PDB file of N, CA and C in Angstrom:
ATOM      1  N   MET A   1      16.905  -4.573   7.867  1.00  0.00           N
ATOM      2  CA  MET A   1      17.066  -5.940   7.386  1.00  0.00           C
ATOM      3  C   MET A   1      15.790  -6.387   6.676  1.00  0.00           C
ATOM      4  N   MET A   2      15.948  -7.138   5.590  1.00  0.00           N
ATOM      5  CA  MET A   2      14.794  -7.615   4.839  1.00  0.00           C
ATOM      6  C   MET A   2      14.837  -9.134   4.775  1.00  0.00           C
ATOM      7  N   THR A   3      13.726  -9.763   5.169  1.00  0.00           N
ATOM      8  CA  THR A   3      13.649 -11.208   5.232  1.00  0.00           C
ATOM      9  C   THR A   3      12.475 -11.703   4.400  1.00  0.00           C
ATOM     10  N   SER A   4      12.698 -12.709   3.540  1.00  0.00           N
ATOM     11  CA  SER A   4      11.628 -13.268   2.717  1.00  0.00           C
ATOM     12  C   SER A   4      10.745 -14.177   3.564  1.00  0.00           C
ATOM     13  N   GLN A   5       9.438 -14.059   3.369  1.00  0.00           N
ATOM     14  CA  GLN A   5       8.443 -14.828   4.119  1.00  0.00           C
ATOM     15  C   GLN A   5       7.343 -15.299   3.179  1.00  0.00           C
ATOM     16  N   THR A   6       6.512 -16.190   3.671  1.00  0.00           N
ATOM     17  CA  THR A   6       5.300 -16.578   2.951  1.00  0.00           C
ATOM     18  C   THR A   6       4.114 -16.422   3.895  1.00  0.00           C
ATOM     19  N   GLY A   7       2.929 -16.333   3.304  1.00  0.00           N
ATOM     20  CA  GLY A   7       1.721 -16.188   4.104  1.00  0.00           C
ATOM     21  C   GLY A   7       0.486 -16.151   3.228  1.00  0.00           C
ATOM     22  N   ILE A   8      -0.628 -15.781   3.839  1.00  0.00           N
ATOM     23  CA  ILE A   8      -1.922 -15.726   3.150  1.00  0.00           C
ATOM     24  C   ILE A   8      -2.530 -14.349   3.389  1.00  0.00           C
ATOM     25  N   ILE A   9      -3.082 -13.762   2.319  1.00  0.00           N
ATOM     26  CA  ILE A   9      -3.753 -12.482   2.479  1.00  0.00           C
ATOM     27  C   ILE A   9      -4.996 -12.697   3.338  1.00  0.00           C
ATOM     28  N   ARG A  10      -5.030 -12.024   4.485  1.00  0.00           N
ATOM     29  CA  ARG A  10      -6.148 -12.161   5.423  1.00  0.00           C
ATOM     30  C   ARG A  10      -7.290 -11.228   5.054  1.00  0.00           C
ATOM     31  N   SER A  11      -6.938 -10.005   4.685  1.00  0.00           N
ATOM     32  CA  SER A  11      -7.958  -9.024   4.325  1.00  0.00           C
ATOM     33  C   SER A  11      -7.340  -7.966   3.422  1.00  0.00           C
ATOM     34  N   PHE A  12      -8.225  -7.294   2.663  1.00  0.00           N
ATOM     35  CA  PHE A  12      -7.778  -6.200   1.807  1.00  0.00           C
ATOM     36  C   PHE A  12      -8.919  -5.208   1.656  1.00  0.00           C
ATOM     37  N   ASN A  13      -8.628  -3.936   1.863  1.00  0.00           N
ATOM     38  CA  ASN A  13      -9.613  -2.878   1.724  1.00  0.00           C
ATOM     39  C   ASN A  13      -9.303  -2.092   0.449  1.00  0.00           C
ATOM     40  N   PRO A  14     -10.113  -2.269  -0.614  1.00  0.00           N
ATOM     41  CA  PRO A  14      -9.828  -1.574  -1.874  1.00  0.00           C
ATOM     42  C   PRO A  14     -10.015  -0.064  -1.803  1.00  0.00           C
ATOM     43  N   HIS A  15     -10.693   0.434  -0.771  1.00  0.00           N
ATOM     44  CA  HIS A  15     -10.921   1.878  -0.653  1.00  0.00           C
ATOM     45  C   HIS A  15      -9.657   2.625  -0.243  1.00  0.00           C
ATOM     46  N   ASN A  16      -8.833   2.001   0.613  1.00  0.00           N
ATOM     47  CA  ASN A  16      -7.578   2.654   0.995  1.00  0.00           C
ATOM     48  C   ASN A  16      -6.349   1.874   0.536  1.00  0.00           C
ATOM     49  N   ASN A  17      -6.579   0.752  -0.187  1.00  0.00           N
ATOM     50  CA  ASN A  17      -5.504  -0.078  -0.749  1.00  0.00           C
ATOM     51  C   ASN A  17      -4.576  -0.664   0.300  1.00  0.00           C
ATOM     52  N   ILE A  18      -5.086  -0.881   1.512  1.00  0.00           N
ATOM     53  CA  ILE A  18      -4.309  -1.454   2.603  1.00  0.00           C
ATOM     54  C   ILE A  18      -4.866  -2.833   2.945  1.00  0.00           C
ATOM     55  N   GLY A  19      -3.969  -3.764   3.240  1.00  0.00           N
ATOM     56  CA  GLY A  19      -4.404  -5.098   3.625  1.00  0.00           C
ATOM     57  C   GLY A  19      -3.504  -5.706   4.682  1.00  0.00           C
ATOM     58  N   LEU A  20      -3.873  -6.920   5.091  1.00  0.00           N
ATOM     59  CA  LEU A  20      -3.097  -7.670   6.069  1.00  0.00           C
ATOM     60  C   LEU A  20      -2.754  -9.039   5.521  1.00  0.00           C
ATOM     61  N   ILE A  21      -1.544  -9.474   5.789  1.00  0.00           N
ATOM     62  CA  ILE A  21      -1.093 -10.823   5.448  1.00  0.00           C
ATOM     63  C   ILE A  21      -0.848 -11.551   6.758  1.00  0.00           C
ATOM     64  N   THR A  22      -1.395 -12.767   6.874  1.00  0.00           N
ATOM     65  CA  THR A  22      -1.084 -13.621   8.019  1.00  0.00           C
ATOM     66  C   THR A  22       0.144 -14.429   7.639  1.00  0.00           C
ATOM     67  N   CYS A  23       1.234 -14.213   8.359  1.00  0.00           N
ATOM     68  CA  CYS A  23       2.509 -14.867   8.067  1.00  0.00           C
ATOM     69  C   CYS A  23       2.463 -16.335   8.470  1.00  0.00           C
ATOM     70  N   ASP A  24       3.111 -17.186   7.690  1.00  0.00           N
ATOM     71  CA  ASP A  24       3.205 -18.604   8.033  1.00  0.00           C
ATOM     72  C   ASP A  24       3.928 -18.808   9.358  1.00  0.00           C
ATOM     73  N   LEU A  25       4.828 -17.909   9.709  1.00  0.00           N
ATOM     74  CA  LEU A  25       5.566 -18.018  10.963  1.00  0.00           C
ATOM     75  C   LEU A  25       4.813 -17.403  12.135  1.00  0.00           C
ATOM     76  N   GLY A  26       3.600 -16.896  11.861  1.00  0.00           N
ATOM     77  CA  GLY A  26       2.779 -16.308  12.915  1.00  0.00           C
ATOM     78  C   GLY A  26       2.742 -14.803  12.848  1.00  0.00           C
ATOM     79  N   GLY A  27       1.625 -14.230  13.230  1.00  0.00           N
ATOM     80  CA  GLY A  27       1.463 -12.786  13.237  1.00  0.00           C
ATOM     81  C   GLY A  27       0.954 -12.252  11.920  1.00  0.00           C
ATOM     82  N   ASP A  28       0.520 -11.002  11.954  1.00  0.00           N
ATOM     83  CA  ASP A  28       0.023 -10.320  10.758  1.00  0.00           C
ATOM     84  C   ASP A  28       0.941  -9.168  10.409  1.00  0.00           C
ATOM     85  N   ILE A  29       1.005  -8.856   9.119  1.00  0.00           N
ATOM     86  CA  ILE A  29       1.812  -7.741   8.650  1.00  0.00           C
ATOM     87  C   ILE A  29       1.001  -6.950   7.628  1.00  0.00           C
ATOM     88  N   GLN A  30       1.092  -5.640   7.708  1.00  0.00           N
ATOM     89  CA  GLN A  30       0.339  -4.763   6.818  1.00  0.00           C
ATOM     90  C   GLN A  30       1.048  -4.627   5.473  1.00  0.00           C
ATOM     91  N   PHE A  31       0.251  -4.382   4.426  1.00  0.00           N
ATOM     92  CA  PHE A  31       0.826  -4.103   3.105  1.00  0.00           C
ATOM     93  C   PHE A  31      -0.031  -3.078   2.377  1.00  0.00           C
ATOM     94  N   HIS A  32       0.569  -2.461   1.366  1.00  0.00           N
ATOM     95  CA  HIS A  32      -0.143  -1.540   0.479  1.00  0.00           C
ATOM     96  C   HIS A  32      -0.199  -2.182  -0.902  1.00  0.00           C
ATOM     97  N   ALA A  33      -1.300  -1.988  -1.617  1.00  0.00           N
ATOM     98  CA  ALA A  33      -1.519  -2.629  -2.920  1.00  0.00           C
ATOM     99  C   ALA A  33      -0.410  -2.331  -3.929  1.00  0.00           C
ATOM    100  N   THR A  34       0.268  -1.189  -3.796  1.00  0.00           N
ATOM    101  CA  THR A  34       1.342  -0.859  -4.744  1.00  0.00           C
ATOM    102  C   THR A  34       2.522  -1.817  -4.621  1.00  0.00           C
ATOM    103  N   GLN A  35       2.587  -2.593  -3.517  1.00  0.00           N
ATOM    104  CA  GLN A  35       3.687  -3.534  -3.314  1.00  0.00           C
ATOM    105  C   GLN A  35       3.417  -4.912  -3.928  1.00  0.00           C
ATOM    106  N   VAL A  36       2.222  -5.096  -4.518  1.00  0.00           N
ATOM    107  CA  VAL A  36       1.875  -6.379  -5.136  1.00  0.00           C
ATOM    108  C   VAL A  36       2.425  -6.396  -6.556  1.00  0.00           C
ATOM    109  N   SER A  37       3.136  -7.481  -6.924  1.00  0.00           N
ATOM    110  CA  SER A  37       3.761  -7.563  -8.236  1.00  0.00           C
ATOM    111  C   SER A  37       2.743  -7.507  -9.361  1.00  0.00           C
ATOM    112  N   LYS A  38       3.122  -6.839 -10.424  1.00  0.00           N
ATOM    113  CA  LYS A  38       2.316  -6.734 -11.639  1.00  0.00           C
ATOM    114  C   LYS A  38       0.946  -6.128 -11.373  1.00  0.00           C
ATOM    115  N   GLN A  39       0.831  -5.390 -10.260  1.00  0.00           N
ATOM    116  CA  GLN A  39      -0.413  -4.702  -9.917  1.00  0.00           C
ATOM    117  C   GLN A  39      -1.633  -5.629  -9.945  1.00  0.00           C
ATOM    118  N   GLN A  40      -1.427  -6.885  -9.563  1.00  0.00           N
ATOM    119  CA  GLN A  40      -2.544  -7.814  -9.455  1.00  0.00           C
ATOM    120  C   GLN A  40      -3.396  -7.420  -8.260  1.00  0.00           C
ATOM    121  N   LYS A  41      -4.682  -7.787  -8.289  1.00  0.00           N
ATOM    122  CA  LYS A  41      -5.586  -7.414  -7.206  1.00  0.00           C
ATOM    123  C   LYS A  41      -5.455  -8.400  -6.049  1.00  0.00           C
ATOM    124  N   PRO A  42      -5.131  -7.903  -4.863  1.00  0.00           N
ATOM    125  CA  PRO A  42      -5.055  -8.781  -3.691  1.00  0.00           C
ATOM    126  C   PRO A  42      -6.443  -9.306  -3.315  1.00  0.00           C
ATOM    127  N   VAL A  43      -6.537 -10.605  -3.038  1.00  0.00           N
ATOM    128  CA  VAL A  43      -7.800 -11.228  -2.653  1.00  0.00           C
ATOM    129  C   VAL A  43      -7.553 -12.067  -1.399  1.00  0.00           C
ATOM    130  N   SER A  44      -8.461 -11.979  -0.434  1.00  0.00           N
ATOM    131  CA  SER A  44      -8.339 -12.771   0.791  1.00  0.00           C
ATOM    132  C   SER A  44      -8.204 -14.242   0.442  1.00  0.00           C
ATOM    133  N   GLY A  45      -7.260 -14.909   1.086  1.00  0.00           N
ATOM    134  CA  GLY A  45      -7.020 -16.327   0.846  1.00  0.00           C
ATOM    135  C   GLY A  45      -5.892 -16.611  -0.129  1.00  0.00           C
ATOM    136  N   ASN A  46      -5.430 -15.593  -0.876  1.00  0.00           N
ATOM    137  CA  ASN A  46      -4.309 -15.796  -1.799  1.00  0.00           C
ATOM    138  C   ASN A  46      -3.032 -16.079  -1.026  1.00  0.00           C
ATOM    139  N   MET A  47      -2.269 -17.094  -1.483  1.00  0.00           N
ATOM    140  CA  MET A  47      -0.955 -17.369  -0.901  1.00  0.00           C
ATOM    141  C   MET A  47       0.055 -16.442  -1.567  1.00  0.00           C
ATOM    142  N   VAL A  48       0.922 -15.857  -0.740  1.00  0.00           N
ATOM    143  CA  VAL A  48       1.892 -14.892  -1.255  1.00  0.00           C
ATOM    144  C   VAL A  48       3.275 -15.120  -0.652  1.00  0.00           C
ATOM    145  N   GLU A  49       4.254 -14.625  -1.383  1.00  0.00           N
ATOM    146  CA  GLU A  49       5.626 -14.535  -0.872  1.00  0.00           C
ATOM    147  C   GLU A  49       5.934 -13.045  -0.810  1.00  0.00           C
ATOM    148  N   PHE A  50       6.627 -12.623   0.223  1.00  0.00           N
ATOM    149  CA  PHE A  50       6.890 -11.201   0.391  1.00  0.00           C
ATOM    150  C   PHE A  50       8.157 -11.000   1.209  1.00  0.00           C
ATOM    151  N   VAL A  51       8.583  -9.757   1.257  1.00  0.00           N
ATOM    152  CA  VAL A  51       9.739  -9.379   2.053  1.00  0.00           C
ATOM    153  C   VAL A  51       9.247  -8.488   3.190  1.00  0.00           C
ATOM    154  N   MET A  52       9.727  -8.769   4.396  1.00  0.00           N
ATOM    155  CA  MET A  52       9.403  -7.921   5.547  1.00  0.00           C
ATOM    156  C   MET A  52      10.398  -6.768   5.575  1.00  0.00           C
ATOM    157  N   ASP A  53       9.877  -5.561   5.509  1.00  0.00           N
ATOM    158  CA  ASP A  53      10.728  -4.372   5.481  1.00  0.00           C
ATOM    159  C   ASP A  53      10.545  -3.595   6.783  1.00  0.00           C
ATOM    160  N   ASP A  54      11.589  -3.531   7.579  1.00  0.00           N
ATOM    161  CA  ASP A  54      11.513  -2.778   8.831  1.00  0.00           C
ATOM    162  C   ASP A  54      12.384  -1.518   8.771  1.00  0.00           C
ATOM    163  N   SER A  55      12.631  -1.035   7.558  1.00  0.00           N
ATOM    164  CA  SER A  55      13.499   0.129   7.404  1.00  0.00           C
ATOM    165  C   SER A  55      12.799   1.430   7.786  1.00  0.00           C
ATOM    166  N   SER A  56      11.478   1.442   7.741  1.00  0.00           N
ATOM    167  CA  SER A  56      10.751   2.644   8.170  1.00  0.00           C
ATOM    168  C   SER A  56      10.310   2.454   9.620  1.00  0.00           C
ATOM    169  N   SER A  57       9.513   3.374  10.109  1.00  0.00           N
ATOM    170  CA  SER A  57       9.071   3.296  11.504  1.00  0.00           C
ATOM    171  C   SER A  57       8.076   2.171  11.742  1.00  0.00           C
ATOM    172  N   LYS A  58       7.482   1.641  10.650  1.00  0.00           N
ATOM    173  CA  LYS A  58       6.466   0.608  10.785  1.00  0.00           C
ATOM    174  C   LYS A  58       6.813  -0.599   9.909  1.00  0.00           C
ATOM    175  N   LEU A  59       6.767  -1.790  10.489  1.00  0.00           N
ATOM    176  CA  LEU A  59       7.028  -3.019   9.738  1.00  0.00           C
ATOM    177  C   LEU A  59       5.955  -3.198   8.680  1.00  0.00           C
ATOM    178  N   GLN A  60       6.357  -3.523   7.438  1.00  0.00           N
ATOM    179  CA  GLN A  60       5.390  -3.739   6.373  1.00  0.00           C
ATOM    180  C   GLN A  60       5.905  -4.764   5.379  1.00  0.00           C
ATOM    181  N   ALA A  61       4.956  -5.351   4.622  1.00  0.00           N
ATOM    182  CA  ALA A  61       5.301  -6.325   3.583  1.00  0.00           C
ATOM    183  C   ALA A  61       5.529  -5.572   2.264  1.00  0.00           C
ATOM    184  N   VAL A  62       6.608  -5.917   1.571  1.00  0.00           N
ATOM    185  CA  VAL A  62       6.932  -5.324   0.281  1.00  0.00           C
ATOM    186  C   VAL A  62       7.295  -6.445  -0.688  1.00  0.00           C
ATOM    187  N   LYS A  63       7.371  -6.099  -1.971  1.00  0.00           N
ATOM    188  CA  LYS A  63       7.752  -7.072  -3.014  1.00  0.00           C
ATOM    189  C   LYS A  63       6.885  -8.330  -2.927  1.00  0.00           C
ATOM    190  N   ILE A  64       5.581  -8.127  -2.904  1.00  0.00           N
ATOM    191  CA  ILE A  64       4.625  -9.231  -2.736  1.00  0.00           C
ATOM    192  C   ILE A  64       4.336  -9.874  -4.093  1.00  0.00           C
ATOM    193  N   ARG A  65       4.395 -11.203  -4.122  1.00  0.00           N
ATOM    194  CA  ARG A  65       4.020 -11.928  -5.343  1.00  0.00           C
ATOM    195  C   ARG A  65       3.195 -13.145  -4.972  1.00  0.00           C
ATOM    196  N   PHE A  66       2.238 -13.465  -5.846  1.00  0.00           N
ATOM    197  CA  PHE A  66       1.375 -14.628  -5.609  1.00  0.00           C
ATOM    198  C   PHE A  66       2.136 -15.906  -5.883  1.00  0.00           C
ATOM    199  N   ILE A  67       1.879 -16.930  -5.075  1.00  0.00           N
ATOM    200  CA  ILE A  67       2.543 -18.225  -5.276  1.00  0.00           C
ATOM    201  C   ILE A  67       1.501 -19.330  -5.347  1.00  0.00           C
TER     202      ILE A  67
END
């Protein structure tokens, strides 16, 4: 199941392209830079909209776009 959410980028590591988003509904979710729309650079504090994807073994944010 995929659910649209909003949140703020909490951290991003450009060396491994992995970051965390703090969800508005609570909790953190991991993302990979390839999931950011238009290959924009994720920056801590950016507000984003994303989809929570639990189709793999690990919950992750996909289809991320800045808002």
